[in-house]
Amino acid sequence: MSHEARTSLDAVEAIWRTSSYSGGQGDCVEVGDDVPGIVPVRDSKRPTGPVLGISPAAWATFLDHLR
């Protein structure tokens, strides 16, 4: 498996969504869709703030552990 180094994450074009469990209170973690090869995650209260880029495999493992 090859690992490509990334110095920045361009998630501007991501389609952001929150969990249906969030209750719509605005204190959520948002996940971006349509960013190839990475799962962008951000704080919904800071939409222009930092974005954490997680590999799809790591994200799947994280979700499995939550279940």
C-alpha atoms as a PDB file:
ATOM      1  CA  MET A   1       0.000   0.000   0.000  1.00  0.00           C
ATOM      2  CA  SER A   2       1.412   3.387  -0.930  1.00  0.00           C
ATOM      3  CA  HIS A   3       1.156   6.442   1.302  1.00  0.00           C
ATOM      4  CA  GLU A   4       1.042   9.851  -0.316  1.00  0.00           C
ATOM      5  CA  ALA A   5       2.145  12.745   1.866  1.00  0.00           C
ATOM      6  CA  ARG A   6      -0.312  15.609   2.020  1.00  0.00           C
ATOM      7  CA  THR A   7       0.636  18.995   3.319  1.00  0.00           C
ATOM      8  CA  SER A   8      -2.876  20.436   3.187  1.00  0.00           C
ATOM      9  CA  LEU A   9      -6.456  19.297   2.863  1.00  0.00           C
ATOM     10  CA  ASP A  10      -8.641  21.078   0.348  1.00  0.00           C
ATOM     11  CA  ALA A  11     -12.114  20.352   1.667  1.00  0.00           C
ATOM     12  CA  VAL A  12     -13.720  23.523   0.318  1.00  0.00           C
ATOM     13  CA  GLU A  13     -15.797  21.552  -2.175  1.00  0.00           C
ATOM     14  CA  ALA A  14     -16.829  18.887   0.347  1.00  0.00           C
ATOM     15  CA  ILE A  15     -20.495  18.278   0.968  1.00  0.00           C
ATOM     16  CA  TRP A  16     -20.730  18.453   4.774  1.00  0.00           C
ATOM     17  CA  ARG A  17     -23.146  16.416   6.870  1.00  0.00           C
ATOM     18  CA  THR A  18     -23.801  15.737  10.536  1.00  0.00           C
ATOM     19  CA  SER A  19     -25.070  12.604  12.214  1.00  0.00           C
ATOM     20  CA  SER A  20     -28.807  12.174  12.557  1.00  0.00           C
ATOM     21  CA  TYR A  21     -28.044  11.552  16.254  1.00  0.00           C
ATOM     22  CA  SER A  22     -26.772  15.115  16.700  1.00  0.00           C
ATOM     23  CA  GLY A  23     -30.218  16.521  17.370  1.00  0.00           C
ATOM     24  CA  GLY A  24     -29.558  19.644  15.286  1.00  0.00           C
ATOM     25  CA  GLN A  25     -28.136  21.616  18.222  1.00  0.00           C
ATOM     26  CA  GLY A  26     -25.096  22.856  16.287  1.00  0.00           C
ATOM     27  CA  ASP A  27     -22.555  21.200  18.599  1.00  0.00           C
ATOM     28  CA  CYS A  28     -21.580  18.459  16.206  1.00  0.00           C
ATOM     29  CA  VAL A  29     -18.804  16.875  14.287  1.00  0.00           C
ATOM     30  CA  GLU A  30     -19.314  17.235  10.541  1.00  0.00           C
ATOM     31  CA  VAL A  31     -18.008  14.812   7.938  1.00  0.00           C
ATOM     32  CA  GLY A  32     -17.305  15.871   4.371  1.00  0.00           C
ATOM     33  CA  ASP A  33     -18.274  13.796   1.345  1.00  0.00           C
ATOM     34  CA  ASP A  34     -16.836  13.854  -2.185  1.00  0.00           C
ATOM     35  CA  VAL A  35     -13.173  14.340  -1.204  1.00  0.00           C
ATOM     36  CA  PRO A  36     -11.250  11.521  -2.920  1.00  0.00           C
ATOM     37  CA  GLY A  37      -9.039   9.384  -0.692  1.00  0.00           C
ATOM     38  CA  ILE A  38      -9.717  11.166   2.599  1.00  0.00           C
ATOM     39  CA  VAL A  39     -12.541  11.689   5.087  1.00  0.00           C
ATOM     40  CA  PRO A  40     -12.545  15.334   6.207  1.00  0.00           C
ATOM     41  CA  VAL A  41     -13.882  16.009   9.719  1.00  0.00           C
ATOM     42  CA  ARG A  42     -14.545  19.404  11.327  1.00  0.00           C
ATOM     43  CA  ASP A  43     -16.322  21.091  14.227  1.00  0.00           C
ATOM     44  CA  SER A  44     -19.727  22.380  13.101  1.00  0.00           C
ATOM     45  CA  LYS A  45     -19.298  25.504  15.253  1.00  0.00           C
ATOM     46  CA  ARG A  46     -16.163  26.439  13.275  1.00  0.00           C
ATOM     47  CA  PRO A  47     -16.941  25.742   9.593  1.00  0.00           C
ATOM     48  CA  THR A  48     -13.972  27.827   8.447  1.00  0.00           C
ATOM     49  CA  GLY A  49     -11.678  26.362  11.102  1.00  0.00           C
ATOM     50  CA  PRO A  50      -9.281  23.441  10.847  1.00  0.00           C
ATOM     51  CA  VAL A  51     -10.213  20.205   9.099  1.00  0.00           C
ATOM     52  CA  LEU A  52      -8.877  16.837  10.175  1.00  0.00           C
ATOM     53  CA  GLY A  53      -8.212  14.450   7.277  1.00  0.00           C
ATOM     54  CA  ILE A  54      -8.676  10.779   8.126  1.00  0.00           C
ATOM     55  CA  SER A  55      -8.019   7.808   5.862  1.00  0.00           C
ATOM     56  CA  PRO A  56     -11.165   5.946   4.791  1.00  0.00           C
ATOM     57  CA  ALA A  57      -9.867   2.759   6.463  1.00  0.00           C
ATOM     58  CA  ALA A  58      -9.254   4.547   9.778  1.00  0.00           C
ATOM     59  CA  TRP A  59     -12.691   6.187   9.586  1.00  0.00           C
ATOM     60  CA  ALA A  60     -14.362   2.811   8.977  1.00  0.00           C
ATOM     61  CA  THR A  61     -12.517   1.343  11.970  1.00  0.00           C
ATOM     62  CA  PHE A  62     -13.586   4.307  14.122  1.00  0.00           C
ATOM     63  CA  LEU A  63     -17.249   3.849  13.116  1.00  0.00           C
ATOM     64  CA  ASP A  64     -17.060   0.098  13.790  1.00  0.00           C
ATOM     65  CA  HIS A  65     -15.833   0.824  17.318  1.00  0.00           C
ATOM     66  CA  LEU A  66     -18.670   3.290  17.905  1.00  0.00           C
ATOM     67  CA  ARG A  67     -21.246   0.688  17.011  1.00  0.00           C
END
